[in-house]
């Protein structure tokens, strides 16, 4: 197992890159270490090789695993949803637990926004809301 986790699946896919243009890609599914979060990313077939798989996996797993360093974060799941244009967008559902451990909630954020001030503020606001509700 690599420091970032393990590759658990790879399969051919096609990705829309704009207008009517597409590109062949390989979808790679990994499980991150140490928290065991499953996620997928796509590598264009024109650059696909073992080094790219390792590089992409290192980056994506780091992005996902960093969420566990935020106060209250107890879980992360990966998924996809359709945007207004009908295209799939990767997203993470971040599970947050109150300071007492008695309450939990979640916020769903686009993967591309993870680690930004905006996403971190949404997670912090959820934690604050859970704690405030318990204090009533």
N, C-alpha and C. Protein backbone atom coordinates (compact mmCIF):
# COMPACT_ATOMS: atom_id res chain seq x y z
N UNK A 1 0.85 -1.18 0.00
CA UNK A 1 0.00 0.00 0.00
C UNK A 1 0.89 1.24 0.00
N UNK A 2 0.54 2.21 -0.82
CA UNK A 2 1.26 3.49 -0.87
C UNK A 2 0.89 4.33 0.35
N UNK A 3 1.67 5.35 0.62
CA UNK A 3 1.40 6.24 1.76
C UNK A 3 0.00 6.85 1.68
N UNK A 4 -0.49 7.11 0.47
CA UNK A 4 -1.78 7.76 0.29
C UNK A 4 -2.94 6.79 0.36
N UNK A 5 -2.71 5.48 0.21
CA UNK A 5 -3.80 4.51 0.22
C UNK A 5 -3.60 3.42 -0.80
N UNK A 6 -4.71 2.93 -1.39
CA UNK A 6 -4.70 1.79 -2.30
C UNK A 6 -5.60 2.03 -3.50
N UNK A 7 -5.15 1.63 -4.67
CA UNK A 7 -6.01 1.60 -5.86
C UNK A 7 -6.91 0.37 -5.74
N UNK A 8 -8.23 0.56 -5.88
CA UNK A 8 -9.15 -0.56 -5.76
C UNK A 8 -9.90 -0.85 -7.06
N UNK A 9 -9.89 0.08 -8.01
CA UNK A 9 -10.53 -0.17 -9.30
C UNK A 9 -10.00 0.80 -10.34
N UNK A 10 -10.02 0.37 -11.59
CA UNK A 10 -9.71 1.22 -12.74
C UNK A 10 -10.57 0.73 -13.91
N UNK A 11 -11.14 1.67 -14.65
CA UNK A 11 -11.96 1.28 -15.78
C UNK A 11 -11.99 2.39 -16.83
N UNK A 12 -12.19 2.03 -18.09
CA UNK A 12 -12.24 3.04 -19.15
C UNK A 12 -13.51 3.86 -19.07
N UNK A 13 -13.40 5.14 -19.42
CA UNK A 13 -14.55 6.04 -19.39
C UNK A 13 -14.34 7.13 -20.43
N UNK A 14 -15.33 7.96 -20.62
CA UNK A 14 -15.25 9.09 -21.54
C UNK A 14 -15.66 10.33 -20.75
N UNK A 15 -14.95 11.43 -20.99
CA UNK A 15 -15.21 12.66 -20.27
C UNK A 15 -15.51 13.77 -21.26
N UNK A 16 -16.55 14.54 -20.98
CA UNK A 16 -16.88 15.70 -21.80
C UNK A 16 -15.92 16.83 -21.43
N UNK A 17 -15.28 17.43 -22.43
CA UNK A 17 -14.34 18.51 -22.14
C UNK A 17 -14.82 19.85 -22.68
N UNK A 18 -16.01 19.90 -23.21
CA UNK A 18 -16.59 21.16 -23.67
C UNK A 18 -17.27 21.01 -25.01
N UNK A 19 -18.40 21.67 -25.13
CA UNK A 19 -19.16 21.59 -26.39
C UNK A 19 -19.50 20.14 -26.68
N UNK A 20 -19.04 19.66 -27.84
CA UNK A 20 -19.27 18.26 -28.21
C UNK A 20 -17.98 17.47 -28.16
N UNK A 21 -16.94 18.04 -27.57
CA UNK A 21 -15.64 17.36 -27.50
C UNK A 21 -15.56 16.47 -26.26
N UNK A 22 -15.03 15.29 -26.47
CA UNK A 22 -14.82 14.36 -25.38
C UNK A 22 -13.38 13.85 -25.42
N UNK A 23 -12.98 13.21 -24.35
CA UNK A 23 -11.69 12.54 -24.34
C UNK A 23 -11.82 11.22 -23.61
N UNK A 24 -11.06 10.25 -24.04
CA UNK A 24 -11.02 8.97 -23.36
C UNK A 24 -10.20 9.13 -22.08
N UNK A 25 -10.71 8.58 -21.00
CA UNK A 25 -10.04 8.65 -19.72
C UNK A 25 -10.07 7.28 -19.05
N UNK A 26 -9.24 7.13 -18.04
CA UNK A 26 -9.32 5.97 -17.17
C UNK A 26 -9.77 6.48 -15.81
N UNK A 27 -10.88 5.96 -15.33
CA UNK A 27 -11.36 6.29 -14.00
C UNK A 27 -10.61 5.40 -13.01
N UNK A 28 -10.08 6.02 -11.98
CA UNK A 28 -9.30 5.30 -10.97
C UNK A 28 -10.00 5.48 -9.63
N UNK A 29 -10.31 4.38 -8.97
CA UNK A 29 -10.91 4.42 -7.64
C UNK A 29 -9.87 4.05 -6.60
N UNK A 30 -9.78 4.88 -5.56
CA UNK A 30 -8.82 4.62 -4.49
C UNK A 30 -9.51 4.64 -3.14
N UNK A 31 -8.86 4.06 -2.17
CA UNK A 31 -9.26 4.19 -0.77
C UNK A 31 -8.09 4.86 -0.07
N UNK A 32 -8.38 6.01 0.58
CA UNK A 32 -7.33 6.80 1.20
C UNK A 32 -6.85 6.18 2.51
N UNK A 33 -5.65 6.55 2.89
CA UNK A 33 -5.11 6.19 4.20
C UNK A 33 -4.89 7.49 4.96
N UNK A 34 -5.18 7.54 6.22
CA UNK A 34 -5.55 6.45 7.11
C UNK A 34 -7.06 6.26 7.31
N UNK A 35 -7.91 7.15 6.75
CA UNK A 35 -9.34 7.12 7.08
C UNK A 35 -10.21 6.25 6.18
N UNK A 36 -9.65 5.69 5.12
CA UNK A 36 -10.41 4.75 4.30
C UNK A 36 -11.56 5.35 3.52
N UNK A 37 -11.35 6.54 2.96
CA UNK A 37 -12.39 7.18 2.15
C UNK A 37 -12.23 6.73 0.70
N UNK A 38 -13.31 6.23 0.11
CA UNK A 38 -13.30 5.85 -1.31
C UNK A 38 -13.57 7.09 -2.15
N UNK A 39 -12.81 7.26 -3.23
CA UNK A 39 -13.09 8.31 -4.21
C UNK A 39 -12.57 7.89 -5.56
N UNK A 40 -13.06 8.56 -6.59
CA UNK A 40 -12.61 8.31 -7.95
C UNK A 40 -12.12 9.60 -8.59
N UNK A 41 -11.17 9.45 -9.49
CA UNK A 41 -10.71 10.56 -10.33
C UNK A 41 -10.43 9.99 -11.71
N UNK A 42 -10.34 10.89 -12.68
CA UNK A 42 -10.16 10.47 -14.06
C UNK A 42 -8.83 11.02 -14.60
N UNK A 43 -8.11 10.17 -15.33
CA UNK A 43 -6.85 10.55 -15.95
C UNK A 43 -7.02 10.39 -17.46
N UNK A 44 -6.73 11.44 -18.24
CA UNK A 44 -6.81 11.29 -19.70
C UNK A 44 -5.92 10.14 -20.17
N UNK A 45 -6.44 9.32 -21.07
CA UNK A 45 -5.66 8.18 -21.58
C UNK A 45 -4.37 8.62 -22.23
N UNK A 46 -4.34 9.85 -22.76
CA UNK A 46 -3.12 10.33 -23.44
C UNK A 46 -1.94 10.50 -22.48
N UNK A 47 -2.20 10.60 -21.17
CA UNK A 47 -1.11 10.73 -20.21
C UNK A 47 -1.14 9.64 -19.14
N UNK A 48 -2.06 8.70 -19.26
CA UNK A 48 -2.22 7.67 -18.23
C UNK A 48 -0.97 6.78 -18.14
N UNK A 49 -0.43 6.66 -16.94
CA UNK A 49 0.62 5.69 -16.63
C UNK A 49 0.69 5.58 -15.11
N UNK A 50 1.53 4.68 -14.60
CA UNK A 50 1.61 4.44 -13.16
C UNK A 50 2.03 5.69 -12.39
N UNK A 51 2.93 6.47 -12.96
CA UNK A 51 3.38 7.70 -12.29
C UNK A 51 2.22 8.66 -12.14
N UNK A 52 1.39 8.82 -13.18
CA UNK A 52 0.23 9.71 -13.10
C UNK A 52 -0.78 9.21 -12.08
N UNK A 53 -1.01 7.90 -12.04
CA UNK A 53 -1.93 7.35 -11.03
C UNK A 53 -1.43 7.71 -9.64
N UNK A 54 -0.16 7.52 -9.39
CA UNK A 54 0.41 7.85 -8.08
C UNK A 54 0.30 9.35 -7.78
N UNK A 55 0.62 10.18 -8.76
CA UNK A 55 0.56 11.63 -8.55
C UNK A 55 -0.85 12.12 -8.29
N UNK A 56 -1.80 11.67 -9.11
CA UNK A 56 -3.20 12.06 -8.91
C UNK A 56 -3.70 11.56 -7.55
N UNK A 57 -3.39 10.30 -7.23
CA UNK A 57 -3.86 9.70 -5.97
C UNK A 57 -3.27 10.43 -4.77
N UNK A 58 -2.01 10.82 -4.87
CA UNK A 58 -1.38 11.57 -3.78
C UNK A 58 -2.12 12.89 -3.56
N UNK A 59 -2.40 13.60 -4.63
CA UNK A 59 -3.09 14.89 -4.52
C UNK A 59 -4.51 14.76 -4.01
N UNK A 60 -5.28 13.86 -4.62
CA UNK A 60 -6.68 13.72 -4.20
C UNK A 60 -6.80 13.18 -2.78
N UNK A 61 -5.98 12.21 -2.42
CA UNK A 61 -6.08 11.67 -1.07
C UNK A 61 -5.68 12.73 -0.05
N UNK A 62 -4.68 13.54 -0.36
CA UNK A 62 -4.30 14.63 0.53
C UNK A 62 -5.42 15.62 0.73
N UNK A 63 -6.12 15.95 -0.36
CA UNK A 63 -7.26 16.87 -0.28
C UNK A 63 -8.34 16.31 0.63
N UNK A 64 -8.66 15.04 0.47
CA UNK A 64 -9.71 14.41 1.27
C UNK A 64 -9.27 14.27 2.72
N UNK A 65 -8.08 13.78 2.93
CA UNK A 65 -7.61 13.52 4.29
C UNK A 65 -7.43 14.80 5.11
N UNK A 66 -7.13 15.92 4.45
CA UNK A 66 -6.95 17.18 5.19
C UNK A 66 -8.23 17.60 5.90
N UNK A 67 -9.38 17.16 5.40
CA UNK A 67 -10.65 17.54 6.02
C UNK A 67 -10.74 17.01 7.46
N UNK A 68 -10.09 15.89 7.73
CA UNK A 68 -10.14 15.31 9.08
C UNK A 68 -9.36 16.13 10.10
N UNK A 69 -8.56 17.08 9.64
CA UNK A 69 -7.83 17.95 10.56
C UNK A 69 -8.68 19.13 11.03
N UNK A 70 -9.83 19.33 10.42
CA UNK A 70 -10.72 20.43 10.81
C UNK A 70 -11.52 20.05 12.05
N UNK A 71 -11.73 21.00 12.96
CA UNK A 71 -12.50 20.70 14.18
C UNK A 71 -13.87 20.13 13.86
N UNK A 72 -14.20 19.04 14.54
CA UNK A 72 -15.52 18.44 14.42
C UNK A 72 -15.69 17.43 13.30
N UNK A 73 -14.79 17.39 12.33
CA UNK A 73 -14.97 16.48 11.18
C UNK A 73 -14.70 15.04 11.62
N UNK A 74 -15.71 14.19 11.39
CA UNK A 74 -15.61 12.79 11.79
C UNK A 74 -15.76 11.83 10.61
N UNK A 75 -16.12 12.35 9.45
CA UNK A 75 -16.29 11.47 8.30
C UNK A 75 -16.37 12.24 7.01
N UNK A 76 -16.00 11.56 5.92
CA UNK A 76 -16.04 12.14 4.58
C UNK A 76 -16.46 11.05 3.62
N UNK A 77 -17.39 11.36 2.73
CA UNK A 77 -17.74 10.44 1.65
C UNK A 77 -17.67 11.19 0.33
N UNK A 78 -17.31 10.46 -0.72
CA UNK A 78 -17.21 11.02 -2.07
C UNK A 78 -18.47 10.65 -2.84
N UNK A 79 -18.86 11.51 -3.76
CA UNK A 79 -19.97 11.22 -4.65
C UNK A 79 -19.94 12.15 -5.83
N UNK A 80 -20.95 12.05 -6.65
CA UNK A 80 -21.09 12.93 -7.80
C UNK A 80 -22.54 13.40 -7.88
N UNK A 81 -22.71 14.59 -8.44
CA UNK A 81 -24.04 15.13 -8.68
C UNK A 81 -24.01 15.86 -10.02
N UNK A 82 -25.16 16.05 -10.61
CA UNK A 82 -25.23 16.79 -11.86
C UNK A 82 -25.32 18.28 -11.58
N UNK A 83 -24.58 19.08 -12.35
CA UNK A 83 -24.68 20.53 -12.22
C UNK A 83 -25.80 21.04 -13.13
N UNK A 84 -25.97 22.36 -13.22
CA UNK A 84 -27.06 22.95 -14.02
C UNK A 84 -26.97 22.58 -15.49
N UNK A 85 -25.76 22.29 -15.97
CA UNK A 85 -25.58 21.91 -17.37
C UNK A 85 -25.75 20.41 -17.59
N UNK A 86 -26.04 19.68 -16.52
CA UNK A 86 -26.23 18.24 -16.64
C UNK A 86 -24.93 17.45 -16.63
N UNK A 87 -23.82 18.10 -16.27
CA UNK A 87 -22.53 17.41 -16.20
C UNK A 87 -22.27 16.94 -14.78
N UNK A 88 -21.58 15.81 -14.65
CA UNK A 88 -21.26 15.29 -13.33
C UNK A 88 -20.17 16.13 -12.67
N UNK A 89 -20.37 16.42 -11.40
CA UNK A 89 -19.41 17.17 -10.60
C UNK A 89 -19.07 16.32 -9.38
N UNK A 90 -17.78 16.14 -9.11
CA UNK A 90 -17.35 15.42 -7.92
C UNK A 90 -17.65 16.27 -6.69
N UNK A 91 -18.06 15.60 -5.62
CA UNK A 91 -18.38 16.31 -4.38
C UNK A 91 -17.98 15.47 -3.19
N UNK A 92 -17.83 16.13 -2.06
CA UNK A 92 -17.58 15.44 -0.80
C UNK A 92 -18.68 15.81 0.18
N UNK A 93 -19.17 14.82 0.89
CA UNK A 93 -20.08 15.08 2.00
C UNK A 93 -19.23 15.00 3.26
N UNK A 94 -19.18 16.10 4.00
CA UNK A 94 -18.36 16.21 5.19
C UNK A 94 -19.27 16.05 6.42
N UNK A 95 -19.00 15.07 7.26
CA UNK A 95 -19.79 14.82 8.47
C UNK A 95 -19.10 15.47 9.65
N UNK A 96 -19.87 16.25 10.40
CA UNK A 96 -19.36 17.03 11.52
C UNK A 96 -20.09 16.61 12.79
N UNK A 97 -19.33 16.49 13.87
CA UNK A 97 -19.89 16.12 15.17
C UNK A 97 -19.67 17.25 16.15
N UNK A 98 -20.68 17.50 16.99
CA UNK A 98 -20.57 18.55 18.01
C UNK A 98 -19.45 18.23 18.99
N UNK A 99 -19.06 19.23 19.75
CA UNK A 99 -17.98 19.05 20.72
C UNK A 99 -18.31 17.97 21.74
N UNK A 100 -19.59 17.86 22.12
CA UNK A 100 -20.00 16.85 23.10
C UNK A 100 -20.10 15.46 22.49
N UNK A 101 -20.24 15.40 21.17
CA UNK A 101 -20.44 14.12 20.50
C UNK A 101 -21.90 13.70 20.43
N UNK A 102 -22.80 14.56 20.91
CA UNK A 102 -24.22 14.20 20.94
C UNK A 102 -24.97 14.53 19.66
N UNK A 103 -24.39 15.37 18.79
CA UNK A 103 -25.09 15.80 17.58
C UNK A 103 -24.17 15.68 16.38
N UNK A 104 -24.77 15.37 15.24
CA UNK A 104 -24.02 15.32 13.99
C UNK A 104 -24.82 15.98 12.88
N UNK A 105 -24.10 16.48 11.90
CA UNK A 105 -24.71 17.03 10.70
C UNK A 105 -23.72 16.86 9.56
N UNK A 106 -24.13 17.28 8.38
CA UNK A 106 -23.21 17.17 7.24
C UNK A 106 -23.44 18.33 6.29
N UNK A 107 -22.41 18.59 5.51
CA UNK A 107 -22.47 19.60 4.46
C UNK A 107 -21.86 18.97 3.22
N UNK A 108 -22.47 19.21 2.06
CA UNK A 108 -21.98 18.67 0.80
C UNK A 108 -21.36 19.80 0.00
N UNK A 109 -20.10 19.59 -0.42
CA UNK A 109 -19.33 20.62 -1.10
C UNK A 109 -18.70 20.06 -2.36
N UNK A 110 -18.57 20.89 -3.41
CA UNK A 110 -17.85 20.44 -4.60
C UNK A 110 -16.41 20.11 -4.25
N UNK A 111 -15.89 19.02 -4.77
CA UNK A 111 -14.51 18.63 -4.49
C UNK A 111 -13.54 19.75 -4.85
N UNK A 112 -13.83 20.48 -5.91
CA UNK A 112 -12.95 21.56 -6.34
C UNK A 112 -12.86 22.69 -5.32
N UNK A 113 -13.84 22.80 -4.41
CA UNK A 113 -13.84 23.87 -3.41
C UNK A 113 -13.22 23.45 -2.08
N UNK A 114 -12.90 22.18 -1.93
CA UNK A 114 -12.39 21.68 -0.66
C UNK A 114 -11.07 22.36 -0.32
N UNK A 115 -10.95 22.78 0.93
CA UNK A 115 -9.73 23.43 1.40
C UNK A 115 -9.74 24.94 1.25
N UNK A 116 -10.76 25.49 0.61
CA UNK A 116 -10.84 26.94 0.46
C UNK A 116 -11.42 27.55 1.75
N UNK A 117 -11.26 28.85 1.90
CA UNK A 117 -11.85 29.52 3.06
C UNK A 117 -13.35 29.32 3.10
N UNK A 118 -13.99 29.37 1.92
CA UNK A 118 -15.45 29.21 1.87
C UNK A 118 -15.88 27.85 2.40
N UNK A 119 -15.23 26.78 1.95
CA UNK A 119 -15.64 25.44 2.41
C UNK A 119 -15.31 25.27 3.89
N UNK A 120 -14.14 25.74 4.32
CA UNK A 120 -13.78 25.64 5.74
C UNK A 120 -14.75 26.42 6.61
N UNK A 121 -15.20 27.58 6.13
CA UNK A 121 -16.17 28.38 6.89
C UNK A 121 -17.51 27.68 7.00
N UNK A 122 -17.93 26.97 5.95
CA UNK A 122 -19.20 26.24 6.01
C UNK A 122 -19.13 25.11 7.03
N UNK A 123 -18.00 24.44 7.09
CA UNK A 123 -17.82 23.36 8.05
C UNK A 123 -17.80 23.93 9.47
N UNK A 124 -17.08 25.03 9.68
CA UNK A 124 -17.02 25.67 10.99
C UNK A 124 -18.40 26.17 11.42
N UNK A 125 -19.17 26.70 10.48
CA UNK A 125 -20.52 27.19 10.80
C UNK A 125 -21.43 26.05 11.22
N UNK A 126 -21.29 24.90 10.57
CA UNK A 126 -22.10 23.74 10.95
C UNK A 126 -21.74 23.29 12.36
N UNK A 127 -20.45 23.22 12.66
CA UNK A 127 -20.03 22.84 14.02
C UNK A 127 -20.57 23.84 15.04
N UNK A 128 -20.46 25.12 14.76
CA UNK A 128 -20.98 26.15 15.69
C UNK A 128 -22.48 26.00 15.89
N UNK A 129 -23.20 25.72 14.81
CA UNK A 129 -24.66 25.56 14.88
C UNK A 129 -25.03 24.36 15.75
N UNK A 130 -24.32 23.25 15.59
CA UNK A 130 -24.58 22.06 16.40
C UNK A 130 -24.34 22.35 17.88
N UNK A 131 -23.21 23.01 18.17
CA UNK A 131 -22.87 23.34 19.56
C UNK A 131 -23.88 24.31 20.16
N UNK A 132 -24.29 25.33 19.38
CA UNK A 132 -25.27 26.30 19.88
C UNK A 132 -26.61 25.66 20.18
N UNK A 133 -27.04 24.75 19.31
CA UNK A 133 -28.33 24.09 19.51
C UNK A 133 -28.31 23.24 20.78
N UNK A 134 -27.19 22.62 21.05
CA UNK A 134 -27.09 21.80 22.28
C UNK A 134 -27.09 22.65 23.53
N UNK A 135 -26.63 23.90 23.42
CA UNK A 135 -26.53 24.77 24.58
C UNK A 135 -27.87 25.40 24.97
N UNK A 136 -28.91 25.19 24.17
CA UNK A 136 -30.22 25.79 24.48
C UNK A 136 -30.84 25.18 25.71
